[in-house]
Protein backbone atom coordinates (compact mmCIF):
# COMPACT_ATOMS: atom_id res chain seq x y z
CA SER A 1 149.41 158.76 163.57
CA PRO A 2 148.31 155.05 165.51
CA TYR A 3 145.63 157.13 166.88
CA ALA A 4 142.22 157.21 164.45
CA ASP A 5 140.72 160.28 165.36
CA THR A 6 142.26 162.28 168.59
CA ARG A 7 144.90 161.97 170.06
CA PHE A 8 144.66 163.29 173.83
CA VAL A 9 141.68 163.03 176.10
CA ARG A 10 139.59 166.18 175.76
CA LYS A 11 138.23 167.03 179.18
CA PHE A 12 136.23 165.55 182.35
CA HIS A 13 133.77 164.21 182.14
CA HIS A 14 132.27 166.29 185.58
CA GLY A 15 133.26 167.12 188.24
CA PRO A 16 134.83 164.54 190.90
CA ILE A 17 133.14 162.97 193.35
CA ILE A 18 134.96 164.06 196.62
CA SER A 19 135.52 163.05 200.23
CA SER A 20 137.36 164.07 203.45
CA SER A 21 140.12 161.46 201.62
CA SER A 22 139.38 160.14 198.68
CA ALA A 23 138.61 162.01 195.19
CA ALA A 24 136.16 160.01 191.87
CA ILE A 25 137.62 161.25 188.58
CA LYS A 26 135.95 160.22 184.76
CA TRP A 27 137.30 161.46 181.80
CA GLY A 28 136.96 160.66 178.20
CA LYS A 29 138.01 158.38 176.56
CA ILE A 30 140.51 158.25 172.67
CA GLU A 31 139.90 155.79 169.88
CA GLY A 32 143.31 154.16 169.42
CA GLN A 33 145.22 151.22 168.05
CA GLY A 34 145.91 148.54 170.38
CA THR A 35 144.99 149.13 174.34
CA VAL A 36 144.66 152.66 175.70
CA ILE A 37 145.92 152.89 178.85
CA TYR A 38 145.08 156.33 180.90
CA GLU A 39 147.79 157.13 183.58
CA VAL A 40 146.19 159.27 186.27
CA TRP A 41 148.56 162.15 187.76
CA VAL A 42 148.41 163.42 191.30
CA THR A 43 150.12 166.76 192.52
CA SER A 44 150.14 166.48 196.46
CA PRO A 45 149.94 170.02 198.10
CA LYS A 46 153.71 169.86 198.45
CA GLY A 47 154.14 170.02 195.22
CA SER A 48 154.88 165.91 194.74
CA THR A 49 153.77 164.12 191.68
CA VAL A 50 153.40 160.77 191.14
CA CYS A 51 151.30 158.59 188.77
CA ILE A 52 148.72 156.80 190.74
CA GLY A 53 147.37 153.63 188.46
CA LYS A 54 147.11 153.20 185.11
CA TYR A 55 143.59 151.94 184.00
CA THR A 56 142.12 151.13 180.46
CA GLY A 57 138.86 152.63 181.61
CA ASN A 58 137.41 156.41 182.65
CA THR A 59 137.63 156.12 186.02
CA CYS A 60 139.49 155.68 189.34
CA THR A 61 139.75 156.51 192.92
CA ALA A 62 142.36 158.44 194.36
CA LYS A 63 142.35 157.42 197.74
CA ASN A 64 143.97 158.35 201.33
CA LEU A 65 144.36 161.91 199.96
CA ILE A 66 145.09 164.08 203.09
CA THR A 67 141.27 165.34 204.72
CA GLY A 68 141.38 169.17 202.99
CA SER A 69 144.17 169.88 201.00
CA ALA A 70 144.01 170.51 197.32
CA TYR A 71 145.17 168.30 194.48
CA THR A 72 145.84 168.80 191.33
CA VAL A 73 144.94 165.62 188.91
CA ARG A 74 146.13 165.31 185.08
CA VAL A 75 145.14 162.29 182.92
CA ARG A 76 147.61 161.07 180.23
CA PRO A 77 146.20 158.22 177.10
CA TYR A 78 148.45 155.51 175.42
CA CYS A 79 148.25 152.82 173.01
CA ILE A 80 150.11 150.00 173.02
CA LEU A 81 150.76 148.79 169.73
CA ALA A 82 150.78 145.06 168.72
CA ASP A 83 154.78 145.62 168.07
CA GLY A 84 154.88 146.33 171.77
CA ARG A 85 155.74 150.12 171.00
CA ARG A 86 153.74 152.67 172.90
CA ILE A 87 152.24 155.91 171.57
CA TYR A 88 151.57 158.20 173.73
CA GLY A 89 149.11 161.22 174.09
CA GLU A 90 148.97 164.71 176.08
CA TYR A 91 147.95 165.73 178.77
CA THR A 92 144.34 166.75 179.59
CA PRO A 93 144.55 169.96 181.27
CA SER A 94 144.54 170.42 184.89
CA ILE A 95 141.77 169.70 187.55
CA LYS A 96 141.43 170.95 191.22
CA VAL A 97 140.81 168.81 193.62
CA THR A 98 140.31 169.95 197.17
CA THR A 99 139.37 167.25 200.25
CA HIS A 100 136.39 167.61 202.45
CA ALA A 101 137.79 168.96 206.13
């Protein structure tokens, strides 16, 4: 396996830091060969899911969220190997984020 030890992000480090229109999120890092990238996926209150970004670190801030609304957040890591192949890991369990009214 291209992963040294872990194939997926095991958990979010703490509850998200939430405001009326954003949520700061932090998750556990993985060890992998090549470059590790983390995709952050957010599901809106209406059910549409989008990737809000790809990060090399283990934090991000979801911005422009609707005040007083509930969202679901998941992270999926992948490794980019020296030959360009991408090896995807498992999604984290979902967490719920509700912005302040």
